[in-house]
Amino acid sequence: MELVDADQLPEDYGGTGQHTIATMKNNIPSGMIRIASKLLSFRIHDSYVFRLDKGEEVDIIVYTRGTYGASLSIYDQHKEKIITGVDVIHKGRENMENEMPTQERLNKSRISGPLNLKIKAETMSGRKSQTFLLVFNVYSQH
């Protein structure tokens, strides 16, 4: 254990920390069937298309430490806006690695498939590159 303390590494990976399956059971919301993520890193704008299958619904959460912020919108495959301009900007200080990133949920209620969702992000100001982590929590549709 040269690079990591033993208690920070799960026991199923040779450490003394909580087993990965136990951690997942304690932290994954009930009914979630898969999780996907995409890292967007841009100065002006970027986008990503996420496929949501029939019988699925999704929550989309964004994490960032970007202090310039971005406005994120979601479109369907027909280029119709589903969600318009959710502003996500880090509320903490710039370049603070030990600080938790700002988290924002893009949708107020789950989006149901089947759909191709295009998430479009545009900077709010500045020309400095920023990073935004998109997390897609997918559930079985009831």
C-alpha atoms as a PDB file:
ATOM      1  CA  MET A   1       0.000   0.000   0.000  1.00  0.00           C
ATOM      2  CA  GLU A   2       2.443   2.630  -1.169  1.00  0.00           C
ATOM      3  CA  LEU A   3       0.042   5.126  -2.741  1.00  0.00           C
ATOM      4  CA  VAL A   4      -3.126   4.627  -0.697  1.00  0.00           C
ATOM      5  CA  ASP A   5      -3.921   3.977   2.956  1.00  0.00           C
ATOM      6  CA  ALA A   6      -5.263   0.442   3.492  1.00  0.00           C
ATOM      7  CA  ASP A   7      -8.516   1.743   4.998  1.00  0.00           C
ATOM      8  CA  GLN A   8      -9.201   3.739   1.809  1.00  0.00           C
ATOM      9  CA  LEU A   9      -9.062   0.637  -0.398  1.00  0.00           C
ATOM     10  CA  PRO A  10     -11.995  -1.850  -0.356  1.00  0.00           C
ATOM     11  CA  GLU A  11     -11.277  -5.276   1.087  1.00  0.00           C
ATOM     12  CA  ASP A  12     -12.092  -6.936  -2.256  1.00  0.00           C
ATOM     13  CA  TYR A  13      -9.158  -4.960  -3.712  1.00  0.00           C
ATOM     14  CA  GLY A  14      -6.671  -5.851  -0.980  1.00  0.00           C
ATOM     15  CA  GLY A  15      -7.417  -3.103   1.541  1.00  0.00           C
ATOM     16  CA  THR A  16      -9.241  -3.004   4.856  1.00  0.00           C
ATOM     17  CA  GLY A  17     -12.068  -0.688   3.741  1.00  0.00           C
ATOM     18  CA  GLN A  18     -15.701  -1.658   3.238  1.00  0.00           C
ATOM     19  CA  HIS A  19     -16.352  -4.272   0.528  1.00  0.00           C
ATOM     20  CA  THR A  20     -17.379  -2.723  -2.816  1.00  0.00           C
ATOM     21  CA  ILE A  21     -20.738  -4.537  -2.903  1.00  0.00           C
ATOM     22  CA  ALA A  22     -21.629  -3.263   0.585  1.00  0.00           C
ATOM     23  CA  THR A  23     -20.704   0.286  -0.442  1.00  0.00           C
ATOM     24  CA  MET A  24     -22.853   0.008  -3.550  1.00  0.00           C
ATOM     25  CA  LYS A  25     -25.840  -1.376  -1.608  1.00  0.00           C
ATOM     26  CA  ASN A  26     -25.583   1.522   0.855  1.00  0.00           C
ATOM     27  CA  ASN A  27     -25.185   4.272  -1.751  1.00  0.00           C
ATOM     28  CA  ILE A  28     -27.095   3.285  -4.886  1.00  0.00           C
ATOM     29  CA  PRO A  29     -30.718   4.464  -4.927  1.00  0.00           C
ATOM     30  CA  SER A  30     -33.370   1.752  -4.854  1.00  0.00           C
ATOM     31  CA  GLY A  31     -34.501   0.606  -8.291  1.00  0.00           C
ATOM     32  CA  MET A  32     -31.493   1.918 -10.206  1.00  0.00           C
ATOM     33  CA  ILE A  33     -30.552  -0.507 -12.988  1.00  0.00           C
ATOM     34  CA  ARG A  34     -27.498   1.236 -14.426  1.00  0.00           C
ATOM     35  CA  ILE A  35     -25.351   4.314 -14.150  1.00  0.00           C
ATOM     36  CA  ALA A  36     -23.409   6.078 -16.881  1.00  0.00           C
ATOM     37  CA  SER A  37     -21.170   9.126 -16.858  1.00  0.00           C
ATOM     38  CA  LYS A  38     -19.565  11.503 -19.320  1.00  0.00           C
ATOM     39  CA  LEU A  39     -16.904  14.099 -18.649  1.00  0.00           C
ATOM     40  CA  LEU A  40     -17.269  17.318 -20.642  1.00  0.00           C
ATOM     41  CA  SER A  41     -14.249  19.601 -20.759  1.00  0.00           C
ATOM     42  CA  PHE A  42     -14.626  22.770 -22.819  1.00  0.00           C
ATOM     43  CA  ARG A  43     -13.982  26.497 -23.119  1.00  0.00           C
ATOM     44  CA  ILE A  44     -17.063  27.608 -25.076  1.00  0.00           C
ATOM     45  CA  HIS A  45     -19.465  24.673 -25.533  1.00  0.00           C
ATOM     46  CA  ASP A  46     -19.790  20.892 -25.747  1.00  0.00           C
ATOM     47  CA  SER A  47     -22.542  18.302 -26.034  1.00  0.00           C
ATOM     48  CA  TYR A  48     -23.224  14.618 -25.460  1.00  0.00           C
ATOM     49  CA  VAL A  49     -25.932  12.223 -26.662  1.00  0.00           C
ATOM     50  CA  PHE A  50     -27.280   9.652 -24.190  1.00  0.00           C
ATOM     51  CA  ARG A  51     -29.504   6.749 -25.251  1.00  0.00           C
ATOM     52  CA  LEU A  52     -32.436   5.957 -22.959  1.00  0.00           C
ATOM     53  CA  ASP A  53     -34.169   2.685 -23.834  1.00  0.00           C
ATOM     54  CA  LYS A  54     -37.838   1.704 -23.680  1.00  0.00           C
ATOM     55  CA  GLY A  55     -38.925   0.983 -20.112  1.00  0.00           C
ATOM     56  CA  GLU A  56     -36.194   3.211 -18.643  1.00  0.00           C
ATOM     57  CA  GLU A  57     -36.233   6.601 -16.954  1.00  0.00           C
ATOM     58  CA  VAL A  58     -33.323   8.791 -15.932  1.00  0.00           C
ATOM     59  CA  ASP A  59     -32.142  11.433 -13.495  1.00  0.00           C
ATOM     60  CA  ILE A  60     -29.254  13.577 -14.766  1.00  0.00           C
ATOM     61  CA  ILE A  61     -26.866  15.108 -12.237  1.00  0.00           C
ATOM     62  CA  VAL A  62     -23.992  17.479 -13.029  1.00  0.00           C
ATOM     63  CA  TYR A  63     -20.879  17.966 -10.891  1.00  0.00           C
ATOM     64  CA  THR A  64     -18.363  20.782 -11.410  1.00  0.00           C
ATOM     65  CA  ARG A  65     -15.722  22.965  -9.861  1.00  0.00           C
ATOM     66  CA  GLY A  66     -16.022  25.377 -12.796  1.00  0.00           C
ATOM     67  CA  THR A  67     -16.238  28.897 -11.386  1.00  0.00           C
ATOM     68  CA  TYR A  68     -17.279  30.489 -14.711  1.00  0.00           C
ATOM     69  CA  GLY A  69     -20.244  28.142 -14.952  1.00  0.00           C
ATOM     70  CA  ALA A  70     -22.261  26.803 -17.836  1.00  0.00           C
ATOM     71  CA  SER A  71     -25.869  26.724 -18.939  1.00  0.00           C
ATOM     72  CA  LEU A  72     -27.093  23.204 -19.742  1.00  0.00           C
ATOM     73  CA  SER A  73     -30.100  22.278 -21.862  1.00  0.00           C
ATOM     74  CA  ILE A  74     -31.565  18.892 -22.845  1.00  0.00           C
ATOM     75  CA  TYR A  75     -33.063  18.112 -26.267  1.00  0.00           C
ATOM     76  CA  ASP A  76     -34.788  15.013 -27.645  1.00  0.00           C
ATOM     77  CA  GLN A  77     -33.959  13.356 -30.981  1.00  0.00           C
ATOM     78  CA  HIS A  78     -36.353  15.772 -32.761  1.00  0.00           C
ATOM     79  CA  LYS A  79     -34.358  18.758 -31.444  1.00  0.00           C
ATOM     80  CA  GLU A  80     -37.223  19.713 -29.122  1.00  0.00           C
ATOM     81  CA  LYS A  81     -36.098  21.267 -25.836  1.00  0.00           C
ATOM     82  CA  ILE A  82     -36.990  19.115 -22.840  1.00  0.00           C
ATOM     83  CA  ILE A  83     -35.157  21.270 -20.303  1.00  0.00           C
ATOM     84  CA  THR A  84     -33.959  24.810 -20.929  1.00  0.00           C
ATOM     85  CA  GLY A  85     -30.912  26.572 -19.520  1.00  0.00           C
ATOM     86  CA  VAL A  86     -30.060  25.136 -16.123  1.00  0.00           C
ATOM     87  CA  ASP A  87     -27.155  27.249 -14.848  1.00  0.00           C
ATOM     88  CA  VAL A  88     -24.466  25.244 -13.083  1.00  0.00           C
ATOM     89  CA  ILE A  89     -21.641  27.195 -11.447  1.00  0.00           C
ATOM     90  CA  HIS A  90     -19.300  26.145  -8.640  1.00  0.00           C
ATOM     91  CA  LYS A  91     -20.158  27.965  -5.441  1.00  0.00           C
ATOM     92  CA  GLY A  92     -16.766  27.359  -3.869  1.00  0.00           C
ATOM     93  CA  ARG A  93     -13.287  28.629  -4.573  1.00  0.00           C
ATOM     94  CA  GLU A  94     -11.329  27.986  -7.748  1.00  0.00           C
ATOM     95  CA  ASN A  95      -8.627  25.273  -7.763  1.00  0.00           C
ATOM     96  CA  MET A  96      -9.592  23.755  -4.403  1.00  0.00           C
ATOM     97  CA  GLU A  97      -8.979  20.023  -4.919  1.00  0.00           C
ATOM     98  CA  ASN A  98     -10.098  19.150  -1.376  1.00  0.00           C
ATOM     99  CA  GLU A  99     -13.420  20.968  -1.748  1.00  0.00           C
ATOM    100  CA  MET A 100     -16.478  19.007  -2.871  1.00  0.00           C
ATOM    101  CA  PRO A 101     -17.712  19.941  -6.355  1.00  0.00           C
ATOM    102  CA  THR A 102     -21.027  21.702  -6.818  1.00  0.00           C
ATOM    103  CA  GLN A 103     -23.840  19.288  -7.703  1.00  0.00           C
ATOM    104  CA  GLU A 104     -26.985  20.165  -9.657  1.00  0.00           C
ATOM    105  CA  ARG A 105     -29.825  17.920 -10.836  1.00  0.00           C
ATOM    106  CA  LEU A 106     -30.874  18.930 -14.364  1.00  0.00           C
ATOM    107  CA  ASN A 107     -34.372  17.415 -14.357  1.00  0.00           C
ATOM    108  CA  LYS A 108     -37.035  17.970 -11.693  1.00  0.00           C
ATOM    109  CA  SER A 109     -38.791  14.700 -12.570  1.00  0.00           C
ATOM    110  CA  ARG A 110     -37.431  11.615 -14.304  1.00  0.00           C
ATOM    111  CA  ILE A 111     -37.276  11.585 -18.091  1.00  0.00           C
ATOM    112  CA  SER A 112     -38.811   8.469 -19.680  1.00  0.00           C
ATOM    113  CA  GLY A 113     -37.504   6.571 -22.703  1.00  0.00           C
ATOM    114  CA  PRO A 114     -37.139   5.571 -25.378  1.00  0.00           C
ATOM    115  CA  LEU A 115     -35.228   8.736 -26.278  1.00  0.00           C
ATOM    116  CA  ASN A 116     -31.905   9.988 -27.513  1.00  0.00           C
ATOM    117  CA  LEU A 117     -31.115  12.848 -25.148  1.00  0.00           C
ATOM    118  CA  LYS A 118     -28.684  15.539 -26.242  1.00  0.00           C
ATOM    119  CA  ILE A 119     -27.194  17.449 -23.339  1.00  0.00           C
ATOM    120  CA  LYS A 120     -25.756  20.754 -24.537  1.00  0.00           C
ATOM    121  CA  ALA A 121     -23.493  22.880 -22.327  1.00  0.00           C
ATOM    122  CA  GLU A 122     -22.470  26.472 -23.068  1.00  0.00           C
ATOM    123  CA  THR A 123     -20.111  28.563 -20.949  1.00  0.00           C
ATOM    124  CA  MET A 124     -21.688  31.458 -19.055  1.00  0.00           C
ATOM    125  CA  SER A 125     -18.574  33.658 -19.216  1.00  0.00           C
ATOM    126  CA  GLY A 126     -14.832  33.536 -19.676  1.00  0.00           C
ATOM    127  CA  ARG A 127     -12.611  31.593 -22.005  1.00  0.00           C
ATOM    128  CA  LYS A 128     -10.986  29.272 -19.470  1.00  0.00           C
ATOM    129  CA  SER A 129     -11.524  25.541 -19.915  1.00  0.00           C
ATOM    130  CA  GLN A 130     -13.949  24.005 -17.411  1.00  0.00           C
ATOM    131  CA  THR A 131     -14.935  20.438 -16.598  1.00  0.00           C
ATOM    132  CA  PHE A 132     -18.439  19.108 -15.945  1.00  0.00           C
ATOM    133  CA  LEU A 133     -19.239  15.515 -15.006  1.00  0.00           C
ATOM    134  CA  LEU A 134     -22.632  14.304 -16.246  1.00  0.00           C
ATOM    135  CA  VAL A 135     -24.048  11.342 -14.285  1.00  0.00           C
ATOM    136  CA  PHE A 136     -27.039   9.408 -15.639  1.00  0.00           C
ATOM    137  CA  ASN A 137     -28.893   7.376 -12.988  1.00  0.00           C
ATOM    138  CA  VAL A 138     -31.156   5.008 -14.923  1.00  0.00           C
ATOM    139  CA  TYR A 139     -34.179   3.284 -13.354  1.00  0.00           C
ATOM    140  CA  SER A 140     -36.805   0.776 -14.519  1.00  0.00           C
ATOM    141  CA  GLN A 141     -39.944   2.600 -15.542  1.00  0.00           C
ATOM    142  CA  HIS A 142     -42.976   1.668 -13.448  1.00  0.00           C
END
